[in-house]
Amino acid sequence: MVITRLIIEGFKGFKDRFCIEFNESVNIIVGDNEAGKSTILEAINLGLTGLYAGKPVKNNISQYLFNDQLVKEYLDSLTTAARLPPPALFVELHFQKTPDTAFMEGDGNCQKSSSVGVVFKIKFNEDYKAAYEALLKAGDIRTLPIEYYDIEWKGNPPIFNGGDK
């Protein structure tokens, strides 16, 4: 399977949407320390396997997977009238279309275009909105409310979708 594109948003050092295109042969990622080289590899692994640090993320969702600045902005906003929604994490992998990958073709990607690939998200589950609102009213939230988050990991057909943490 040849990865042609990676899109990351809200994952570790990548606050904003980051896209990298890969060629079919050798790809070399070069950058300063703390530039995100390892995070790119972690994002690829996460999107392909659903594992982070060798463990299933669905059982180990952590605030530390999210971009620090996004989490800080979210937590700071909770004391204002302009509250931000809980941040999300997004990894999307696109693959070269071959007979072996054709079953993953669809338009469920961020560009809504026909492509072969997978999408991995950790995001707030709207089913918990009432409980979340009660938590906000109680105040004093100091960490990301990950107990209200779910994982969505989709290809065509879906790989995993749900919150059975």
N, C-alpha and C. Protein backbone atom coordinates (compact mmCIF):
# COMPACT_ATOMS: atom_id res chain seq x y z
N MET A 1 0.85 -1.17 0.00
CA MET A 1 0.00 0.00 0.00
C MET A 1 0.90 1.23 0.00
N VAL A 2 0.67 2.14 -0.91
CA VAL A 2 1.47 3.35 -1.04
C VAL A 2 0.65 4.53 -0.52
N ILE A 3 1.19 5.23 0.48
CA ILE A 3 0.54 6.43 1.02
C ILE A 3 0.90 7.59 0.11
N THR A 4 -0.12 8.31 -0.36
CA THR A 4 0.13 9.44 -1.26
C THR A 4 -0.02 10.78 -0.55
N ARG A 5 -0.80 10.83 0.51
CA ARG A 5 -1.04 12.10 1.21
C ARG A 5 -1.38 11.82 2.66
N LEU A 6 -0.93 12.72 3.54
CA LEU A 6 -1.27 12.69 4.95
C LEU A 6 -1.78 14.06 5.34
N ILE A 7 -2.90 14.08 6.04
CA ILE A 7 -3.46 15.34 6.55
C ILE A 7 -3.62 15.17 8.06
N ILE A 8 -3.09 16.12 8.81
CA ILE A 8 -3.15 16.09 10.28
C ILE A 8 -3.72 17.42 10.75
N GLU A 9 -4.55 17.35 11.79
CA GLU A 9 -5.05 18.58 12.41
C GLU A 9 -5.34 18.29 13.88
N GLY A 10 -4.82 19.16 14.75
CA GLY A 10 -5.11 19.05 16.18
C GLY A 10 -4.36 17.95 16.90
N PHE A 11 -3.41 17.31 16.24
CA PHE A 11 -2.66 16.20 16.82
C PHE A 11 -1.28 16.70 17.24
N LYS A 12 -1.01 16.60 18.52
CA LYS A 12 0.27 16.97 19.11
C LYS A 12 0.74 18.34 18.60
N GLY A 13 1.85 18.42 17.89
CA GLY A 13 2.40 19.71 17.48
C GLY A 13 1.69 20.37 16.32
N PHE A 14 0.68 19.72 15.76
CA PHE A 14 -0.01 20.26 14.58
C PHE A 14 -1.37 20.83 14.96
N LYS A 15 -1.40 22.12 15.23
CA LYS A 15 -2.65 22.79 15.61
C LYS A 15 -3.56 22.93 14.39
N ASP A 16 -3.03 23.52 13.36
CA ASP A 16 -3.81 23.78 12.14
C ASP A 16 -3.63 22.63 11.17
N ARG A 17 -4.45 22.63 10.14
CA ARG A 17 -4.39 21.56 9.15
C ARG A 17 -3.03 21.57 8.46
N PHE A 18 -2.41 20.40 8.45
CA PHE A 18 -1.11 20.19 7.82
C PHE A 18 -1.25 19.07 6.81
N CYS A 19 -0.76 19.30 5.61
CA CYS A 19 -0.87 18.29 4.55
C CYS A 19 0.52 18.06 3.96
N ILE A 20 0.84 16.80 3.79
CA ILE A 20 2.10 16.44 3.15
C ILE A 20 1.80 15.41 2.07
N GLU A 21 2.37 15.63 0.90
CA GLU A 21 2.22 14.71 -0.23
C GLU A 21 3.46 13.83 -0.29
N PHE A 22 3.26 12.56 -0.54
CA PHE A 22 4.35 11.62 -0.65
C PHE A 22 4.47 11.14 -2.09
N ASN A 23 5.69 10.82 -2.50
CA ASN A 23 5.85 10.23 -3.81
C ASN A 23 5.90 8.71 -3.67
N GLU A 24 5.92 8.03 -4.77
CA GLU A 24 5.79 6.58 -4.78
C GLU A 24 7.05 5.85 -4.31
N SER A 25 8.18 6.53 -4.37
CA SER A 25 9.41 5.84 -3.98
C SER A 25 9.84 6.29 -2.59
N VAL A 26 11.03 6.79 -2.45
CA VAL A 26 11.58 7.15 -1.15
C VAL A 26 11.17 8.58 -0.78
N ASN A 27 10.78 8.77 0.48
CA ASN A 27 10.45 10.09 1.00
C ASN A 27 11.33 10.33 2.21
N ILE A 28 11.92 11.51 2.28
CA ILE A 28 12.79 11.87 3.39
C ILE A 28 12.18 13.08 4.07
N ILE A 29 11.99 12.97 5.38
CA ILE A 29 11.43 14.08 6.16
C ILE A 29 12.57 14.68 6.97
N VAL A 30 12.85 15.95 6.73
CA VAL A 30 13.95 16.65 7.38
C VAL A 30 13.38 17.86 8.11
N GLY A 31 13.90 18.14 9.30
CA GLY A 31 13.47 19.32 10.03
C GLY A 31 14.24 19.46 11.32
N ASP A 32 14.10 20.62 11.93
CA ASP A 32 14.74 20.88 13.22
C ASP A 32 14.13 19.99 14.29
N ASN A 33 14.80 19.93 15.43
CA ASN A 33 14.23 19.24 16.59
C ASN A 33 12.89 19.88 16.94
N GLU A 34 11.94 19.06 17.32
CA GLU A 34 10.58 19.50 17.71
C GLU A 34 9.79 20.09 16.54
N ALA A 35 10.20 19.80 15.31
CA ALA A 35 9.48 20.32 14.15
C ALA A 35 8.27 19.46 13.79
N GLY A 36 8.23 18.20 14.28
CA GLY A 36 7.09 17.34 14.00
C GLY A 36 7.39 16.12 13.16
N LYS A 37 8.65 15.82 12.93
CA LYS A 37 9.01 14.66 12.10
C LYS A 37 8.47 13.37 12.71
N SER A 38 8.71 13.16 14.00
CA SER A 38 8.21 11.95 14.67
C SER A 38 6.70 11.95 14.74
N THR A 39 6.10 13.11 14.91
CA THR A 39 4.64 13.19 14.98
C THR A 39 4.02 12.78 13.65
N ILE A 40 4.66 13.09 12.56
CA ILE A 40 4.17 12.65 11.25
C ILE A 40 4.13 11.13 11.21
N LEU A 41 5.19 10.49 11.68
CA LEU A 41 5.23 9.03 11.70
C LEU A 41 4.19 8.46 12.68
N GLU A 42 4.02 9.11 13.84
CA GLU A 42 3.00 8.67 14.80
C GLU A 42 1.60 8.80 14.21
N ALA A 43 1.36 9.87 13.46
CA ALA A 43 0.05 10.07 12.84
C ALA A 43 -0.22 8.99 11.80
N ILE A 44 0.78 8.64 11.02
CA ILE A 44 0.62 7.57 10.03
C ILE A 44 0.28 6.27 10.75
N ASN A 45 1.02 5.95 11.79
CA ASN A 45 0.76 4.73 12.56
C ASN A 45 -0.63 4.75 13.17
N LEU A 46 -1.03 5.88 13.73
CA LEU A 46 -2.36 6.01 14.33
C LEU A 46 -3.45 5.78 13.29
N GLY A 47 -3.30 6.41 12.12
CA GLY A 47 -4.29 6.26 11.07
C GLY A 47 -4.37 4.85 10.50
N LEU A 48 -3.24 4.16 10.46
CA LEU A 48 -3.21 2.80 9.91
C LEU A 48 -3.65 1.74 10.91
N THR A 49 -3.29 1.93 12.19
CA THR A 49 -3.48 0.86 13.18
C THR A 49 -4.44 1.18 14.33
N GLY A 50 -4.69 2.47 14.58
CA GLY A 50 -5.48 2.84 15.76
C GLY A 50 -4.68 2.71 17.04
N LEU A 51 -3.36 2.55 16.91
CA LEU A 51 -2.49 2.40 18.08
C LEU A 51 -1.66 3.66 18.29
N TYR A 52 -1.42 3.99 19.56
CA TYR A 52 -0.49 5.05 19.91
C TYR A 52 0.38 4.52 21.03
N ALA A 53 1.68 4.62 20.87
CA ALA A 53 2.65 4.08 21.83
C ALA A 53 2.38 2.60 22.08
N GLY A 54 1.97 1.89 21.03
CA GLY A 54 1.76 0.45 21.11
C GLY A 54 0.47 0.01 21.77
N LYS A 55 -0.40 0.96 22.12
CA LYS A 55 -1.66 0.62 22.79
C LYS A 55 -2.84 1.16 21.98
N PRO A 56 -3.98 0.45 22.02
CA PRO A 56 -5.16 0.95 21.31
C PRO A 56 -5.61 2.30 21.89
N VAL A 57 -5.73 3.29 21.02
CA VAL A 57 -6.14 4.62 21.47
C VAL A 57 -7.55 4.59 22.03
N LYS A 58 -8.41 3.72 21.49
CA LYS A 58 -9.80 3.70 21.95
C LYS A 58 -9.88 3.43 23.45
N ASN A 59 -8.85 2.80 24.03
CA ASN A 59 -8.84 2.54 25.47
C ASN A 59 -7.98 3.53 26.23
N ASN A 60 -7.30 4.41 25.53
CA ASN A 60 -6.33 5.30 26.16
C ASN A 60 -6.39 6.72 25.61
N ILE A 61 -7.58 7.26 25.38
CA ILE A 61 -7.66 8.63 24.91
C ILE A 61 -7.08 9.53 26.00
N SER A 62 -6.22 10.42 25.58
CA SER A 62 -5.54 11.31 26.53
C SER A 62 -5.52 12.72 25.99
N GLN A 63 -5.58 13.66 26.89
CA GLN A 63 -5.49 15.07 26.53
C GLN A 63 -4.17 15.35 25.81
N TYR A 64 -3.14 14.57 26.09
CA TYR A 64 -1.81 14.81 25.56
C TYR A 64 -1.66 14.41 24.09
N LEU A 65 -2.67 13.78 23.52
CA LEU A 65 -2.67 13.50 22.09
C LEU A 65 -3.03 14.76 21.30
N PHE A 66 -3.75 15.67 21.95
CA PHE A 66 -4.24 16.88 21.30
C PHE A 66 -3.18 17.97 21.32
N ASN A 67 -3.28 18.89 20.40
CA ASN A 67 -2.37 20.03 20.35
C ASN A 67 -2.51 20.85 21.63
N ASP A 68 -1.39 21.11 22.30
CA ASP A 68 -1.39 21.85 23.57
C ASP A 68 -2.06 23.21 23.47
N GLN A 69 -1.78 23.93 22.39
CA GLN A 69 -2.32 25.27 22.22
C GLN A 69 -3.85 25.23 22.05
N LEU A 70 -4.35 24.25 21.29
CA LEU A 70 -5.80 24.10 21.14
C LEU A 70 -6.46 23.82 22.48
N VAL A 71 -5.85 22.94 23.28
CA VAL A 71 -6.41 22.60 24.59
C VAL A 71 -6.39 23.83 25.48
N LYS A 72 -5.28 24.57 25.50
CA LYS A 72 -5.18 25.77 26.33
C LYS A 72 -6.23 26.81 25.93
N GLU A 73 -6.36 27.04 24.62
CA GLU A 73 -7.35 28.02 24.14
C GLU A 73 -8.76 27.59 24.55
N TYR A 74 -9.05 26.31 24.43
CA TYR A 74 -10.36 25.79 24.82
C TYR A 74 -10.60 26.01 26.31
N LEU A 75 -9.66 25.60 27.15
CA LEU A 75 -9.83 25.72 28.60
C LEU A 75 -9.93 27.19 29.02
N ASP A 76 -9.11 28.06 28.42
CA ASP A 76 -9.19 29.49 28.72
C ASP A 76 -10.54 30.08 28.34
N SER A 77 -11.11 29.57 27.25
CA SER A 77 -12.39 30.13 26.77
C SER A 77 -13.56 29.78 27.69
N LEU A 78 -13.40 28.77 28.53
CA LEU A 78 -14.51 28.35 29.39
C LEU A 78 -14.85 29.38 30.45
N THR A 79 -13.95 30.32 30.69
CA THR A 79 -14.22 31.38 31.67
C THR A 79 -14.75 32.64 31.00
N THR A 80 -15.04 32.56 29.70
CA THR A 80 -15.54 33.71 28.95
C THR A 80 -16.93 33.41 28.39
N ALA A 81 -17.54 34.45 27.84
CA ALA A 81 -18.85 34.26 27.20
C ALA A 81 -18.70 33.59 25.83
N ALA A 82 -17.51 33.67 25.25
CA ALA A 82 -17.26 33.09 23.92
C ALA A 82 -16.57 31.74 24.07
N ARG A 83 -17.28 30.75 24.60
CA ARG A 83 -16.70 29.43 24.80
C ARG A 83 -16.43 28.75 23.47
N LEU A 84 -15.28 28.13 23.40
CA LEU A 84 -14.92 27.35 22.22
C LEU A 84 -15.44 25.93 22.39
N PRO A 85 -15.75 25.26 21.28
CA PRO A 85 -16.14 23.85 21.39
C PRO A 85 -14.92 23.01 21.77
N PRO A 86 -15.14 21.84 22.36
CA PRO A 86 -14.00 20.98 22.68
C PRO A 86 -13.20 20.67 21.41
N PRO A 87 -11.87 20.70 21.51
CA PRO A 87 -11.06 20.46 20.32
C PRO A 87 -11.17 19.01 19.83
N ALA A 88 -10.82 18.83 18.57
CA ALA A 88 -10.84 17.51 17.94
C ALA A 88 -9.45 17.22 17.37
N LEU A 89 -9.24 15.95 17.10
CA LEU A 89 -7.98 15.47 16.52
C LEU A 89 -8.35 14.75 15.23
N PHE A 90 -7.55 14.95 14.20
CA PHE A 90 -7.89 14.44 12.88
C PHE A 90 -6.64 13.95 12.16
N VAL A 91 -6.69 12.72 11.64
CA VAL A 91 -5.62 12.17 10.80
C VAL A 91 -6.29 11.52 9.59
N GLU A 92 -5.83 11.89 8.41
CA GLU A 92 -6.38 11.32 7.19
C GLU A 92 -5.23 10.83 6.31
N LEU A 93 -5.36 9.59 5.86
CA LEU A 93 -4.36 9.00 4.97
C LEU A 93 -5.00 8.69 3.62
N HIS A 94 -4.33 9.06 2.56
CA HIS A 94 -4.76 8.73 1.21
C HIS A 94 -3.77 7.73 0.63
N PHE A 95 -4.29 6.75 -0.10
CA PHE A 95 -3.46 5.70 -0.67
C PHE A 95 -3.57 5.71 -2.19
N GLN A 96 -2.55 5.16 -2.81
CA GLN A 96 -2.60 4.95 -4.26
C GLN A 96 -3.67 3.91 -4.55
N LYS A 97 -4.49 4.19 -5.55
CA LYS A 97 -5.56 3.25 -5.89
C LYS A 97 -4.97 2.06 -6.64
N THR A 98 -5.26 0.90 -6.10
CA THR A 98 -4.85 -0.36 -6.72
C THR A 98 -6.02 -1.33 -6.56
N PRO A 99 -5.97 -2.47 -7.21
CA PRO A 99 -7.05 -3.45 -7.00
C PRO A 99 -7.19 -3.85 -5.52
N ASP A 100 -6.07 -3.85 -4.78
CA ASP A 100 -6.12 -4.22 -3.37
C ASP A 100 -6.69 -3.14 -2.46
N THR A 101 -6.65 -1.88 -2.88
CA THR A 101 -7.14 -0.78 -2.04
C THR A 101 -8.46 -0.20 -2.52
N ALA A 102 -8.95 -0.65 -3.65
CA ALA A 102 -10.16 -0.07 -4.24
C ALA A 102 -11.37 -0.15 -3.31
N PHE A 103 -11.40 -1.15 -2.41
CA PHE A 103 -12.54 -1.28 -1.50
C PHE A 103 -12.61 -0.13 -0.50
N MET A 104 -11.51 0.65 -0.36
CA MET A 104 -11.50 1.79 0.56
C MET A 104 -11.79 3.11 -0.14
N GLU A 105 -12.26 3.05 -1.36
CA GLU A 105 -12.52 4.28 -2.11
C GLU A 105 -13.85 4.88 -1.68
N GLY A 106 -13.87 6.18 -1.56
CA GLY A 106 -15.09 6.89 -1.21
C GLY A 106 -14.82 8.39 -1.13
N ASP A 107 -15.84 9.14 -0.72
CA ASP A 107 -15.69 10.59 -0.62
C ASP A 107 -15.85 11.08 0.82
N GLY A 108 -15.58 10.22 1.80
CA GLY A 108 -15.71 10.58 3.20
C GLY A 108 -14.49 11.29 3.76
N ASN A 109 -13.69 11.88 2.89
CA ASN A 109 -12.49 12.59 3.33
C ASN A 109 -12.78 14.08 3.49
N CYS A 110 -11.81 14.83 3.98
CA CYS A 110 -12.03 16.25 4.27
C CYS A 110 -12.27 17.06 3.00
N GLN A 111 -11.83 16.58 1.85
CA GLN A 111 -12.04 17.29 0.60
C GLN A 111 -13.30 16.84 -0.12
N LYS A 112 -13.97 15.83 0.42
CA LYS A 112 -15.21 15.28 -0.15
C LYS A 112 -15.01 14.88 -1.61
N SER A 113 -13.81 14.39 -1.91
CA SER A 113 -13.52 13.96 -3.28
C SER A 113 -13.27 12.45 -3.27
N SER A 114 -13.45 11.84 -4.40
CA SER A 114 -13.22 10.40 -4.51
C SER A 114 -11.75 10.11 -4.28
N SER A 115 -11.49 9.27 -3.29
CA SER A 115 -10.13 8.96 -2.91
C SER A 115 -10.11 7.62 -2.18
N VAL A 116 -8.96 6.99 -2.13
CA VAL A 116 -8.77 5.76 -1.38
C VAL A 116 -8.04 6.13 -0.10
N GLY A 117 -8.58 5.73 1.05
CA GLY A 117 -7.89 6.05 2.29
C GLY A 117 -8.69 5.78 3.53
N VAL A 118 -8.16 6.31 4.64
CA VAL A 118 -8.81 6.18 5.94
C VAL A 118 -8.80 7.53 6.65
N VAL A 119 -9.79 7.70 7.52
CA VAL A 119 -9.91 8.91 8.33
C VAL A 119 -10.00 8.47 9.78
N PHE A 120 -9.19 9.08 10.63
CA PHE A 120 -9.18 8.78 12.06
C PHE A 120 -9.44 10.08 12.80
N LYS A 121 -10.47 10.08 13.67
CA LYS A 121 -10.81 11.28 14.44
C LYS A 121 -11.04 10.91 15.90
N ILE A 122 -10.64 11.81 16.76
CA ILE A 122 -11.05 11.76 18.17
C ILE A 122 -11.77 13.08 18.39
N LYS A 123 -13.05 12.99 18.72
CA LYS A 123 -13.85 14.22 18.80
C LYS A 123 -14.93 14.07 19.87
N PHE A 124 -15.46 15.22 20.26
CA PHE A 124 -16.54 15.27 21.24
C PHE A 124 -17.76 14.54 20.69
N ASN A 125 -18.37 13.71 21.52
CA ASN A 125 -19.57 12.98 21.13
C ASN A 125 -20.79 13.80 21.54
N GLU A 126 -21.55 14.26 20.57
CA GLU A 126 -22.71 15.11 20.83
C GLU A 126 -23.79 14.42 21.67
N ASP A 127 -23.75 13.10 21.78
CA ASP A 127 -24.70 12.39 22.64
C ASP A 127 -24.52 12.77 24.11
N TYR A 128 -23.36 13.30 24.44
CA TYR A 128 -23.07 13.68 25.83
C TYR A 128 -23.27 15.18 26.08
N LYS A 129 -23.92 15.85 25.16
CA LYS A 129 -24.07 17.31 25.25
C LYS A 129 -24.73 17.75 26.56
N ALA A 130 -25.79 17.08 27.00
CA ALA A 130 -26.48 17.47 28.24
C ALA A 130 -25.56 17.30 29.45
N ALA A 131 -24.87 16.19 29.51
CA ALA A 131 -23.94 15.95 30.62
C ALA A 131 -22.79 16.96 30.59
N TYR A 132 -22.33 17.28 29.40
CA TYR A 132 -21.26 18.26 29.23
C TYR A 132 -21.72 19.64 29.69
N GLU A 133 -22.93 20.02 29.31
CA GLU A 133 -23.47 21.32 29.73
C GLU A 133 -23.58 21.39 31.26
N ALA A 134 -23.98 20.29 31.89
CA ALA A 134 -24.05 20.24 33.36
C ALA A 134 -22.65 20.40 33.95
N LEU A 135 -21.67 19.79 33.34
CA LEU A 135 -20.29 19.93 33.80
C LEU A 135 -19.82 21.38 33.67
N LEU A 136 -20.18 22.03 32.57
CA LEU A 136 -19.81 23.44 32.39
C LEU A 136 -20.45 24.32 33.45
N LYS A 137 -21.70 24.06 33.78
CA LYS A 137 -22.39 24.85 34.81
C LYS A 137 -21.75 24.66 36.18
N ALA A 138 -21.27 23.45 36.46
CA ALA A 138 -20.60 23.19 37.73
C ALA A 138 -19.27 23.94 37.79
N GLY A 139 -18.69 24.21 36.64
CA GLY A 139 -17.47 25.01 36.54
C GLY A 139 -16.21 24.27 36.94
N ASP A 140 -15.12 25.02 36.95
CA ASP A 140 -13.82 24.53 37.39
C ASP A 140 -13.28 23.37 36.56
N ILE A 141 -13.50 23.42 35.24
CA ILE A 141 -12.94 22.41 34.35
C ILE A 141 -11.48 22.79 34.09
N ARG A 142 -10.58 21.87 34.39
CA ARG A 142 -9.15 22.16 34.24
C ARG A 142 -8.45 21.27 33.22
N THR A 143 -9.17 20.29 32.72
CA THR A 143 -8.60 19.38 31.72
C THR A 143 -9.64 19.14 30.63
N LEU A 144 -9.19 18.60 29.56
CA LEU A 144 -10.08 18.25 28.46
C LEU A 144 -11.03 17.14 28.92
N PRO A 145 -12.33 17.30 28.73
CA PRO A 145 -13.29 16.28 29.20
C PRO A 145 -13.33 15.05 28.28
N ILE A 146 -12.25 14.29 28.28
CA ILE A 146 -12.11 13.17 27.35
C ILE A 146 -13.13 12.07 27.58
N GLU A 147 -13.77 12.06 28.76
CA GLU A 147 -14.80 11.06 28.99
C GLU A 147 -16.01 11.26 28.07
N TYR A 148 -16.09 12.43 27.42
CA TYR A 148 -17.17 12.73 26.49
C TYR A 148 -16.71 12.62 25.03
N TYR A 149 -15.58 12.02 24.80
CA TYR A 149 -15.01 11.89 23.46
C TYR A 149 -15.18 10.48 22.93
N ASP A 150 -15.21 10.37 21.62
CA ASP A 150 -15.26 9.08 20.94
C ASP A 150 -14.25 9.09 19.80
N ILE A 151 -13.99 7.89 19.34
CA ILE A 151 -13.11 7.70 18.19
C ILE A 151 -13.95 7.34 16.99
N GLU A 152 -13.59 7.92 15.87
CA GLU A 152 -14.20 7.57 14.59
C GLU A 152 -13.04 7.20 13.67
N TRP A 153 -13.03 5.98 13.22
CA TRP A 153 -11.95 5.50 12.36
C TRP A 153 -12.62 4.84 11.17
N LYS A 154 -12.55 5.51 10.04
CA LYS A 154 -13.32 5.06 8.88
C LYS A 154 -12.47 4.87 7.64
N GLY A 155 -12.79 3.82 6.98
CA GLY A 155 -12.38 3.59 5.61
C GLY A 155 -13.69 3.32 4.90
N ASN A 156 -13.64 2.71 3.80
CA ASN A 156 -14.85 2.27 3.13
C ASN A 156 -14.69 0.78 2.90
N PRO A 157 -15.26 -0.07 3.70
CA PRO A 157 -16.25 0.15 4.75
C PRO A 157 -15.60 0.65 6.05
N PRO A 158 -16.44 1.09 7.03
CA PRO A 158 -15.90 1.58 8.29
C PRO A 158 -15.02 0.53 8.98
N ILE A 159 -13.93 1.00 9.59
CA ILE A 159 -13.03 0.14 10.34
C ILE A 159 -13.52 0.04 11.78
N PHE A 160 -13.73 1.19 12.40
CA PHE A 160 -14.19 1.26 13.77
C PHE A 160 -14.93 2.56 13.91
N ASN A 161 -16.06 2.56 14.58
CA ASN A 161 -16.79 3.79 14.80
C ASN A 161 -17.53 3.64 16.12
N GLY A 162 -17.17 4.43 17.08
CA GLY A 162 -17.91 4.37 18.32
C GLY A 162 -17.07 4.62 19.53
N GLY A 163 -17.75 4.61 20.64
CA GLY A 163 -17.10 4.97 21.89
C GLY A 163 -17.00 3.84 22.87
N ASP A 164 -16.89 2.61 22.42
CA ASP A 164 -16.76 1.53 23.37
C ASP A 164 -15.33 1.48 23.90
N LYS A 165 -15.02 2.52 24.68
CA LYS A 165 -13.68 2.67 25.24
C LYS A 165 -13.46 1.56 26.17
